[in-house]
Amino acid sequence: MKSILVPVGSSKNAQSHLQYAVDFAQAFGAKLYVVQVYNVYTKSGTMIKIDHILERESLEFLNNHIAKVDTKNVEVIVKTFKGKLVDTLELVCKTLEIDLILVEPRTNSIKDEVYLGKTSGKIVKQTNIPALIVPENFTYKPINSILMAVKSAIINKENALKPLKDIKDQYKAKLDLLLVKTPFHNSNDFNINEELKTIVSSVEETENATTFQGVLEHYKTYNPDLLCVVRRKRGFFAKMWEKNSILKKDFYVSTLPVLVLSGLK
């Protein structure tokens, strides 16, 4: 893992999240790109150009945040971009060859009962970038145990497991695989390929209505430091992802970092 990106919003948790990102990047010897995406909505007849003003204020905002954290020996690169959030992040991540995007649950200061806000929800739900959701005010610590939960272990996409393997290898973590049989189960869904077999320590099968319910039933048994799920159209967050925001009451494991892979197929 060589390049990590952190979008920064106006939340009260931004400084804590940025410190976690620095500590995480240091463990991998990775570059850390700290970015903000802004958009300009102009009214008809507006004469003054404000792009340069917004860019200057955005850079100042980011630099002020960085000045408040211990950057250690991590190479931190600050960038601002104009455009629509999802499209711009997709392009930026492709251009900069980003391996992982670190997302705080709520990039804006919103209600306490919300786990994943609209902006973070858009990043996690609508992009194809592997993402790590870090709980609010979460202090960095090594990842010794990972629980991966999927309803299908079929892997067709090249390098789909790379972020997971990078994290597992870096921390020499134990990886447990939870296969959740849902009502939409196919006979070959639990055929584990050799790549996945070589990195898992244990495999457990369970039968639940959704992958999410399977995790709720079993995650306390494993007590993982990291939960790994897969982004699918009807995947882990299913009904919750019909809206970009997710409530804490609907996501009981919100105290865990969650690695969201970009998809296996």
C-alpha atoms as a PDB file:
ATOM      1  CA  MET A   1       0.000   0.000   0.000  1.00  0.00           C
ATOM      2  CA  LYS A   2       1.774   3.107  -1.257  1.00  0.00           C
ATOM      3  CA  SER A   3      -0.815   5.901  -1.514  1.00  0.00           C
ATOM      4  CA  ILE A   4      -3.678   6.702   0.860  1.00  0.00           C
ATOM      5  CA  LEU A   5      -6.232   9.483   0.400  1.00  0.00           C
ATOM      6  CA  VAL A   6      -8.160  11.331   3.095  1.00  0.00           C
ATOM      7  CA  PRO A   7     -11.039  13.651   2.148  1.00  0.00           C
ATOM      8  CA  VAL A   8     -11.455  16.296   4.858  1.00  0.00           C
ATOM      9  CA  GLY A   9     -14.771  17.890   5.715  1.00  0.00           C
ATOM     10  CA  SER A  10     -15.913  20.289   8.411  1.00  0.00           C
ATOM     11  CA  SER A  11     -16.709  17.765  11.131  1.00  0.00           C
ATOM     12  CA  LYS A  12     -15.529  18.109  14.723  1.00  0.00           C
ATOM     13  CA  ASN A  13     -13.796  14.756  14.264  1.00  0.00           C
ATOM     14  CA  ALA A  14     -11.596  15.905  11.352  1.00  0.00           C
ATOM     15  CA  GLN A  15      -8.443  16.374  13.427  1.00  0.00           C
ATOM     16  CA  SER A  16      -8.759  13.000  15.155  1.00  0.00           C
ATOM     17  CA  HIS A  17      -9.444  11.296  11.835  1.00  0.00           C
ATOM     18  CA  LEU A  18      -6.446  12.955  10.206  1.00  0.00           C
ATOM     19  CA  GLN A  19      -4.179  11.799  13.048  1.00  0.00           C
ATOM     20  CA  TYR A  20      -5.412   8.231  12.577  1.00  0.00           C
ATOM     21  CA  ALA A  21      -4.708   8.525   8.856  1.00  0.00           C
ATOM     22  CA  VAL A  22      -1.149   9.693   9.526  1.00  0.00           C
ATOM     23  CA  ASP A  23      -0.520   6.847  11.978  1.00  0.00           C
ATOM     24  CA  PHE A  24      -2.021   4.322   9.567  1.00  0.00           C
ATOM     25  CA  ALA A  25       0.042   5.626   6.648  1.00  0.00           C
ATOM     26  CA  GLN A  26       3.197   5.516   8.758  1.00  0.00           C
ATOM     27  CA  ALA A  27       2.688   1.792   9.400  1.00  0.00           C
ATOM     28  CA  PHE A  28       2.781   1.172   5.645  1.00  0.00           C
ATOM     29  CA  GLY A  29       5.371   3.787   4.731  1.00  0.00           C
ATOM     30  CA  ALA A  30       2.704   5.270   2.445  1.00  0.00           C
ATOM     31  CA  LYS A  31       2.138   8.766   1.073  1.00  0.00           C
ATOM     32  CA  LEU A  32      -0.894  10.522   2.499  1.00  0.00           C
ATOM     33  CA  TYR A  33      -2.956  12.769   0.250  1.00  0.00           C
ATOM     34  CA  VAL A  34      -5.162  15.141   2.243  1.00  0.00           C
ATOM     35  CA  VAL A  35      -7.806  16.590  -0.059  1.00  0.00           C
ATOM     36  CA  GLN A  36     -10.935  18.679  -0.165  1.00  0.00           C
ATOM     37  CA  VAL A  37     -13.411  18.797  -3.036  1.00  0.00           C
ATOM     38  CA  TYR A  38     -15.393  21.986  -3.511  1.00  0.00           C
ATOM     39  CA  ASN A  39     -18.029  22.993  -6.023  1.00  0.00           C
ATOM     40  CA  VAL A  40     -19.053  26.407  -7.307  1.00  0.00           C
ATOM     41  CA  TYR A  41     -22.702  27.293  -7.825  1.00  0.00           C
ATOM     42  CA  THR A  42     -22.944  30.587  -9.724  1.00  0.00           C
ATOM     43  CA  LYS A  43     -25.988  32.781 -10.201  1.00  0.00           C
ATOM     44  CA  SER A  44     -26.875  34.377 -13.506  1.00  0.00           C
ATOM     45  CA  GLY A  45     -25.272  37.795 -13.812  1.00  0.00           C
ATOM     46  CA  THR A  46     -22.548  37.111 -11.241  1.00  0.00           C
ATOM     47  CA  MET A  47     -19.462  39.074 -12.266  1.00  0.00           C
ATOM     48  CA  ILE A  48     -16.804  38.103  -9.740  1.00  0.00           C
ATOM     49  CA  LYS A  49     -14.872  34.887 -10.192  1.00  0.00           C
ATOM     50  CA  ILE A  50     -14.627  33.088  -6.853  1.00  0.00           C
ATOM     51  CA  ASP A  51     -12.794  29.910  -7.862  1.00  0.00           C
ATOM     52  CA  HIS A  52      -9.425  31.190  -6.709  1.00  0.00           C
ATOM     53  CA  ILE A  53     -10.937  32.434  -3.442  1.00  0.00           C
ATOM     54  CA  LEU A  54     -12.463  29.048  -2.658  1.00  0.00           C
ATOM     55  CA  GLU A  55      -9.268  27.257  -3.590  1.00  0.00           C
ATOM     56  CA  ARG A  56      -7.195  29.512  -1.340  1.00  0.00           C
ATOM     57  CA  GLU A  57      -9.599  29.105   1.578  1.00  0.00           C
ATOM     58  CA  SER A  58      -9.726  25.344   1.079  1.00  0.00           C
ATOM     59  CA  LEU A  59      -5.928  25.052   1.102  1.00  0.00           C
ATOM     60  CA  GLU A  60      -5.725  27.237   4.207  1.00  0.00           C
ATOM     61  CA  PHE A  61      -8.369  25.081   5.895  1.00  0.00           C
ATOM     62  CA  LEU A  62      -6.447  21.872   5.150  1.00  0.00           C
ATOM     63  CA  ASN A  63      -3.073  23.280   6.185  1.00  0.00           C
ATOM     64  CA  ASN A  64      -4.541  24.467   9.501  1.00  0.00           C
ATOM     65  CA  HIS A  65      -5.789  20.940  10.193  1.00  0.00           C
ATOM     66  CA  ILE A  66      -2.451  19.373   9.330  1.00  0.00           C
ATOM     67  CA  ALA A  67      -0.636  21.822  11.618  1.00  0.00           C
ATOM     68  CA  LYS A  68      -2.624  20.423  14.550  1.00  0.00           C
ATOM     69  CA  VAL A  69      -1.546  16.788  14.123  1.00  0.00           C
ATOM     70  CA  ASP A  70       1.752  14.975  14.489  1.00  0.00           C
ATOM     71  CA  THR A  71       2.703  14.118  10.903  1.00  0.00           C
ATOM     72  CA  LYS A  72       5.725  12.103  12.106  1.00  0.00           C
ATOM     73  CA  ASN A  73       7.805  11.032   9.105  1.00  0.00           C
ATOM     74  CA  VAL A  74       4.834  10.649   6.769  1.00  0.00           C
ATOM     75  CA  GLU A  75       4.854  12.468   3.434  1.00  0.00           C
ATOM     76  CA  VAL A  76       1.645  14.522   3.540  1.00  0.00           C
ATOM     77  CA  ILE A  77       0.475  16.109   0.281  1.00  0.00           C
ATOM     78  CA  VAL A  78      -2.323  18.700   0.324  1.00  0.00           C
ATOM     79  CA  LYS A  79      -4.589  19.155  -2.677  1.00  0.00           C
ATOM     80  CA  THR A  80      -7.923  20.796  -3.450  1.00  0.00           C
ATOM     81  CA  PHE A  81     -10.178  19.972  -6.372  1.00  0.00           C
ATOM     82  CA  LYS A  82     -13.187  21.609  -7.960  1.00  0.00           C
ATOM     83  CA  GLY A  83     -16.044  19.398  -9.106  1.00  0.00           C
ATOM     84  CA  LYS A  84     -18.737  16.969  -8.062  1.00  0.00           C
ATOM     85  CA  LEU A  85     -17.662  14.859  -5.097  1.00  0.00           C
ATOM     86  CA  VAL A  86     -17.979  11.295  -6.403  1.00  0.00           C
ATOM     87  CA  ASP A  87     -16.796  11.935  -9.969  1.00  0.00           C
ATOM     88  CA  THR A  88     -13.883  14.050  -8.783  1.00  0.00           C
ATOM     89  CA  LEU A  89     -12.719  11.528  -6.182  1.00  0.00           C
ATOM     90  CA  GLU A  90     -12.907   8.698  -8.712  1.00  0.00           C
ATOM     91  CA  LEU A  91     -10.731  10.662 -11.132  1.00  0.00           C
ATOM     92  CA  VAL A  92      -8.294  11.793  -8.433  1.00  0.00           C
ATOM     93  CA  CYS A  93      -7.852   8.278  -7.071  1.00  0.00           C
ATOM     94  CA  LYS A  94      -7.205   6.916 -10.544  1.00  0.00           C
ATOM     95  CA  THR A  95      -4.734   9.677 -11.411  1.00  0.00           C
ATOM     96  CA  LEU A  96      -2.829   9.442  -8.128  1.00  0.00           C
ATOM     97  CA  GLU A  97      -3.012   5.612  -8.067  1.00  0.00           C
ATOM     98  CA  ILE A  98      -4.656   5.607  -4.645  1.00  0.00           C
ATOM     99  CA  ASP A  99      -4.741   2.224  -2.901  1.00  0.00           C
ATOM    100  CA  LEU A 100      -7.183   3.127  -0.137  1.00  0.00           C
ATOM    101  CA  ILE A 101      -9.411   6.011   0.892  1.00  0.00           C
ATOM    102  CA  LEU A 102      -9.879   6.684   4.621  1.00  0.00           C
ATOM    103  CA  VAL A 103     -13.352   7.969   5.411  1.00  0.00           C
ATOM    104  CA  GLU A 104     -14.663   9.411   8.634  1.00  0.00           C
ATOM    105  CA  PRO A 105     -18.306   8.484   9.257  1.00  0.00           C
ATOM    106  CA  ARG A 106     -19.534  12.063   9.273  1.00  0.00           C
ATOM    107  CA  THR A 107     -17.597  14.631   7.252  1.00  0.00           C
ATOM    108  CA  ASN A 108     -19.948  17.389   8.373  1.00  0.00           C
ATOM    109  CA  SER A 109     -21.208  18.235  11.839  1.00  0.00           C
ATOM    110  CA  ILE A 110     -24.594  16.524  11.907  1.00  0.00           C
ATOM    111  CA  LYS A 111     -26.821  14.700  14.380  1.00  0.00           C
ATOM    112  CA  ASP A 112     -25.165  12.361  16.888  1.00  0.00           C
ATOM    113  CA  GLU A 113     -27.480   9.480  16.033  1.00  0.00           C
ATOM    114  CA  VAL A 114     -26.077   9.272  12.509  1.00  0.00           C
ATOM    115  CA  TYR A 115     -23.307   6.721  11.881  1.00  0.00           C
ATOM    116  CA  LEU A 116     -22.575   7.405   8.217  1.00  0.00           C
ATOM    117  CA  GLY A 117     -23.460  10.847   6.913  1.00  0.00           C
ATOM    118  CA  LYS A 118     -24.614  11.738   3.403  1.00  0.00           C
ATOM    119  CA  THR A 119     -21.184  12.794   2.157  1.00  0.00           C
ATOM    120  CA  SER A 120     -19.347   9.776   3.595  1.00  0.00           C
ATOM    121  CA  GLY A 121     -22.206   7.569   2.457  1.00  0.00           C
ATOM    122  CA  LYS A 122     -21.808   8.805  -1.108  1.00  0.00           C
ATOM    123  CA  ILE A 123     -18.071   8.074  -1.039  1.00  0.00           C
ATOM    124  CA  VAL A 124     -18.546   4.556   0.318  1.00  0.00           C
ATOM    125  CA  LYS A 125     -21.643   3.673  -1.676  1.00  0.00           C
ATOM    126  CA  GLN A 126     -21.160   5.377  -5.031  1.00  0.00           C
ATOM    127  CA  THR A 127     -17.425   5.053  -5.730  1.00  0.00           C
ATOM    128  CA  ASN A 128     -15.388   1.971  -6.637  1.00  0.00           C
ATOM    129  CA  ILE A 129     -12.520   2.926  -4.370  1.00  0.00           C
ATOM    130  CA  PRO A 130     -11.571   0.564  -1.515  1.00  0.00           C
ATOM    131  CA  ALA A 131     -12.485   2.452   1.665  1.00  0.00           C
ATOM    132  CA  LEU A 132     -11.704   2.238   5.356  1.00  0.00           C
ATOM    133  CA  ILE A 133     -14.394   3.754   7.586  1.00  0.00           C
ATOM    134  CA  VAL A 134     -12.765   4.838  10.847  1.00  0.00           C
ATOM    135  CA  PRO A 135     -15.039   5.422  13.879  1.00  0.00           C
ATOM    136  CA  GLU A 136     -15.159   8.893  15.373  1.00  0.00           C
ATOM    137  CA  ASN A 137     -12.369   9.734  17.840  1.00  0.00           C
ATOM    138  CA  PHE A 138     -10.808   6.342  17.195  1.00  0.00           C
ATOM    139  CA  THR A 139      -7.195   6.029  18.320  1.00  0.00           C
ATOM    140  CA  TYR A 140      -4.847   4.141  16.047  1.00  0.00           C
ATOM    141  CA  LYS A 141      -3.779   0.676  17.130  1.00  0.00           C
ATOM    142  CA  PRO A 142      -2.339  -2.329  15.282  1.00  0.00           C
ATOM    143  CA  ILE A 143      -4.890  -4.627  13.625  1.00  0.00           C
ATOM    144  CA  ASN A 144      -4.411  -8.122  15.010  1.00  0.00           C
ATOM    145  CA  SER A 145      -7.732  -9.723  14.077  1.00  0.00           C
ATOM    146  CA  ILE A 146      -9.934  -9.308  10.980  1.00  0.00           C
ATOM    147  CA  LEU A 147     -13.418 -10.659  10.340  1.00  0.00           C
ATOM    148  CA  MET A 148     -14.428 -10.831   6.677  1.00  0.00           C
ATOM    149  CA  ALA A 149     -18.123 -11.389   6.029  1.00  0.00           C
ATOM    150  CA  VAL A 150     -19.484 -12.236   2.570  1.00  0.00           C
ATOM    151  CA  LYS A 151     -22.494 -13.946   1.066  1.00  0.00           C
ATOM    152  CA  SER A 152     -20.430 -15.129  -1.886  1.00  0.00           C
ATOM    153  CA  ALA A 153     -16.746 -16.043  -1.927  1.00  0.00           C
ATOM    154  CA  ILE A 154     -16.545 -16.013  -5.725  1.00  0.00           C
ATOM    155  CA  ILE A 155     -13.690 -13.763  -6.864  1.00  0.00           C
ATOM    156  CA  ASN A 156     -13.454 -12.743 -10.521  1.00  0.00           C
ATOM    157  CA  LYS A 157     -12.009  -9.264 -10.140  1.00  0.00           C
ATOM    158  CA  GLU A 158      -8.234  -8.945 -10.316  1.00  0.00           C
ATOM    159  CA  ASN A 159      -6.604  -7.539  -7.172  1.00  0.00           C
ATOM    160  CA  ALA A 160      -9.975  -7.401  -5.405  1.00  0.00           C
ATOM    161  CA  LEU A 161      -8.401  -8.622  -2.174  1.00  0.00           C
ATOM    162  CA  LYS A 162      -5.280  -6.438  -2.333  1.00  0.00           C
ATOM    163  CA  PRO A 163      -6.224  -3.889   0.381  1.00  0.00           C
ATOM    164  CA  LEU A 164      -7.232  -6.736   2.698  1.00  0.00           C
ATOM    165  CA  LYS A 165      -4.042  -8.692   2.002  1.00  0.00           C
ATOM    166  CA  ASP A 166      -1.899  -5.585   2.474  1.00  0.00           C
ATOM    167  CA  ILE A 167      -3.428  -4.926   5.897  1.00  0.00           C
ATOM    168  CA  LYS A 168      -3.236  -8.579   6.934  1.00  0.00           C
ATOM    169  CA  ASP A 169       0.409  -8.862   5.880  1.00  0.00           C
ATOM    170  CA  GLN A 170       1.462  -5.573   7.445  1.00  0.00           C
ATOM    171  CA  TYR A 171       0.085  -6.463  10.879  1.00  0.00           C
ATOM    172  CA  LYS A 172       0.436 -10.252  10.562  1.00  0.00           C
ATOM    173  CA  ALA A 173      -3.233 -10.335  11.491  1.00  0.00           C
ATOM    174  CA  LYS A 174      -5.493 -13.353  11.849  1.00  0.00           C
ATOM    175  CA  LEU A 175      -8.262 -13.415   9.224  1.00  0.00           C
ATOM    176  CA  ASP A 176     -11.535 -15.227   9.889  1.00  0.00           C
ATOM    177  CA  LEU A 177     -14.055 -15.722   7.083  1.00  0.00           C
ATOM    178  CA  LEU A 178     -17.797 -15.699   7.747  1.00  0.00           C
ATOM    179  CA  LEU A 179     -19.867 -17.093   4.869  1.00  0.00           C
ATOM    180  CA  VAL A 180     -23.469 -15.982   5.148  1.00  0.00           C
ATOM    181  CA  LYS A 181     -26.082 -18.070   3.373  1.00  0.00           C
ATOM    182  CA  THR A 182     -28.934 -15.755   2.406  1.00  0.00           C
ATOM    183  CA  PRO A 183     -32.250 -16.546   0.653  1.00  0.00           C
ATOM    184  CA  PHE A 184     -30.499 -15.634  -2.631  1.00  0.00           C
ATOM    185  CA  HIS A 185     -27.729 -18.192  -2.105  1.00  0.00           C
ATOM    186  CA  ASN A 186     -26.323 -20.029  -5.134  1.00  0.00           C
ATOM    187  CA  SER A 187     -24.761 -23.476  -4.937  1.00  0.00           C
ATOM    188  CA  ASN A 188     -21.261 -22.247  -5.833  1.00  0.00           C
ATOM    189  CA  ASP A 189     -21.226 -19.138  -3.616  1.00  0.00           C
ATOM    190  CA  PHE A 190     -19.211 -20.862  -0.918  1.00  0.00           C
ATOM    191  CA  ASN A 191     -16.531 -22.226  -3.243  1.00  0.00           C
ATOM    192  CA  ILE A 192     -13.450 -20.527  -1.833  1.00  0.00           C
ATOM    193  CA  ASN A 193     -10.705 -19.965  -4.380  1.00  0.00           C
ATOM    194  CA  GLU A 194      -7.051 -20.672  -3.650  1.00  0.00           C
ATOM    195  CA  GLU A 195      -6.090 -17.016  -3.183  1.00  0.00           C
ATOM    196  CA  LEU A 196      -8.607 -16.577  -0.382  1.00  0.00           C
ATOM    197  CA  LYS A 197      -7.858 -19.996   1.128  1.00  0.00           C
ATOM    198  CA  THR A 198      -4.218 -19.081   1.590  1.00  0.00           C
ATOM    199  CA  ILE A 199      -4.942 -16.043   3.755  1.00  0.00           C
ATOM    200  CA  VAL A 200      -7.819 -17.146   6.014  1.00  0.00           C
ATOM    201  CA  SER A 201      -7.302 -18.818   9.377  1.00  0.00           C
ATOM    202  CA  SER A 202     -10.838 -20.127   9.824  1.00  0.00           C
ATOM    203  CA  VAL A 203     -14.107 -20.415   7.909  1.00  0.00           C
ATOM    204  CA  GLU A 204     -17.584 -20.434   9.428  1.00  0.00           C
ATOM    205  CA  GLU A 205     -20.915 -20.774   7.643  1.00  0.00           C
ATOM    206  CA  THR A 206     -24.108 -19.219   8.926  1.00  0.00           C
ATOM    207  CA  GLU A 207     -27.627 -18.784   7.613  1.00  0.00           C
ATOM    208  CA  ASN A 208     -29.175 -15.340   7.881  1.00  0.00           C
ATOM    209  CA  ALA A 209     -31.497 -13.073   5.930  1.00  0.00           C
ATOM    210  CA  THR A 210     -28.609 -10.730   5.094  1.00  0.00           C
ATOM    211  CA  THR A 211     -24.832 -10.541   5.461  1.00  0.00           C
ATOM    212  CA  PHE A 212     -25.360  -7.671   7.870  1.00  0.00           C
ATOM    213  CA  GLN A 213     -27.480  -9.837  10.175  1.00  0.00           C
ATOM    214  CA  GLY A 214     -24.851 -12.559  10.010  1.00  0.00           C
ATOM    215  CA  VAL A 215     -22.241 -10.107  11.262  1.00  0.00           C
ATOM    216  CA  LEU A 216     -24.473  -8.905  14.088  1.00  0.00           C
ATOM    217  CA  GLU A 217     -24.979 -12.494  15.209  1.00  0.00           C
ATOM    218  CA  HIS A 218     -21.335 -13.560  15.127  1.00  0.00           C
ATOM    219  CA  TYR A 219     -18.957 -10.588  15.437  1.00  0.00           C
ATOM    220  CA  LYS A 220     -18.752 -10.770  19.257  1.00  0.00           C
ATOM    221  CA  THR A 221     -17.478 -14.344  18.991  1.00  0.00           C
ATOM    222  CA  TYR A 222     -14.474 -13.173  16.977  1.00  0.00           C
ATOM    223  CA  ASN A 223     -13.985  -9.765  18.649  1.00  0.00           C
ATOM    224  CA  PRO A 224     -12.120  -8.418  15.589  1.00  0.00           C
ATOM    225  CA  ASP A 225     -10.106  -5.207  15.331  1.00  0.00           C
ATOM    226  CA  LEU A 226     -11.360  -4.764  11.765  1.00  0.00           C
ATOM    227  CA  LEU A 227     -14.496  -5.798   9.903  1.00  0.00           C
ATOM    228  CA  CYS A 228     -14.130  -6.413   6.153  1.00  0.00           C
ATOM    229  CA  VAL A 229     -17.148  -6.371   3.841  1.00  0.00           C
ATOM    230  CA  VAL A 230     -17.697  -6.124   0.091  1.00  0.00           C
ATOM    231  CA  ARG A 231     -19.405  -3.331  -1.822  1.00  0.00           C
ATOM    232  CA  ARG A 232     -22.261  -4.740  -3.892  1.00  0.00           C
ATOM    233  CA  LYS A 233     -25.482  -3.305  -5.280  1.00  0.00           C
ATOM    234  CA  ARG A 234     -27.384  -5.423  -2.777  1.00  0.00           C
ATOM    235  CA  GLY A 235     -24.528  -6.136  -0.419  1.00  0.00           C
ATOM    236  CA  PHE A 236     -23.638  -5.685   3.245  1.00  0.00           C
ATOM    237  CA  PHE A 237     -25.506  -2.479   3.928  1.00  0.00           C
ATOM    238  CA  ALA A 238     -28.343  -3.387   1.512  1.00  0.00           C
ATOM    239  CA  LYS A 239     -31.442  -1.531   2.698  1.00  0.00           C
ATOM    240  CA  MET A 240     -29.430   0.968   4.689  1.00  0.00           C
ATOM    241  CA  TRP A 241     -27.597   2.023   1.552  1.00  0.00           C
ATOM    242  CA  GLU A 242     -30.818   2.898  -0.236  1.00  0.00           C
ATOM    243  CA  LYS A 243     -30.139   6.221   1.454  1.00  0.00           C
ATOM    244  CA  ASN A 244     -26.622   7.588   1.743  1.00  0.00           C
ATOM    245  CA  SER A 245     -26.890   8.212   5.474  1.00  0.00           C
ATOM    246  CA  ILE A 246     -26.915   5.357   8.004  1.00  0.00           C
ATOM    247  CA  LEU A 247     -28.099   5.599  11.612  1.00  0.00           C
ATOM    248  CA  LYS A 248     -26.067   4.245  14.516  1.00  0.00           C
ATOM    249  CA  LYS A 249     -29.098   2.335  15.776  1.00  0.00           C
ATOM    250  CA  ASP A 250     -29.042   0.372  12.520  1.00  0.00           C
ATOM    251  CA  PHE A 251     -25.324  -0.398  12.714  1.00  0.00           C
ATOM    252  CA  TYR A 252     -24.397  -1.815  16.097  1.00  0.00           C
ATOM    253  CA  VAL A 253     -20.743  -2.495  15.256  1.00  0.00           C
ATOM    254  CA  SER A 254     -20.010   1.194  14.635  1.00  0.00           C
ATOM    255  CA  THR A 255     -17.102   1.084  17.105  1.00  0.00           C
ATOM    256  CA  LEU A 256     -15.048  -0.984  14.635  1.00  0.00           C
ATOM    257  CA  PRO A 257     -13.096   0.229  11.617  1.00  0.00           C
ATOM    258  CA  VAL A 258     -14.778  -1.202   8.521  1.00  0.00           C
ATOM    259  CA  LEU A 259     -12.847  -2.047   5.373  1.00  0.00           C
ATOM    260  CA  VAL A 260     -15.114  -1.902   2.316  1.00  0.00           C
ATOM    261  CA  LEU A 261     -13.636  -3.729  -0.682  1.00  0.00           C
ATOM    262  CA  SER A 262     -14.623  -2.408  -4.099  1.00  0.00           C
ATOM    263  CA  GLY A 263     -16.156  -5.734  -5.148  1.00  0.00           C
ATOM    264  CA  LEU A 264     -15.023  -9.290  -5.896  1.00  0.00           C
ATOM    265  CA  LYS A 265     -16.795  -9.904  -9.205  1.00  0.00           C
END
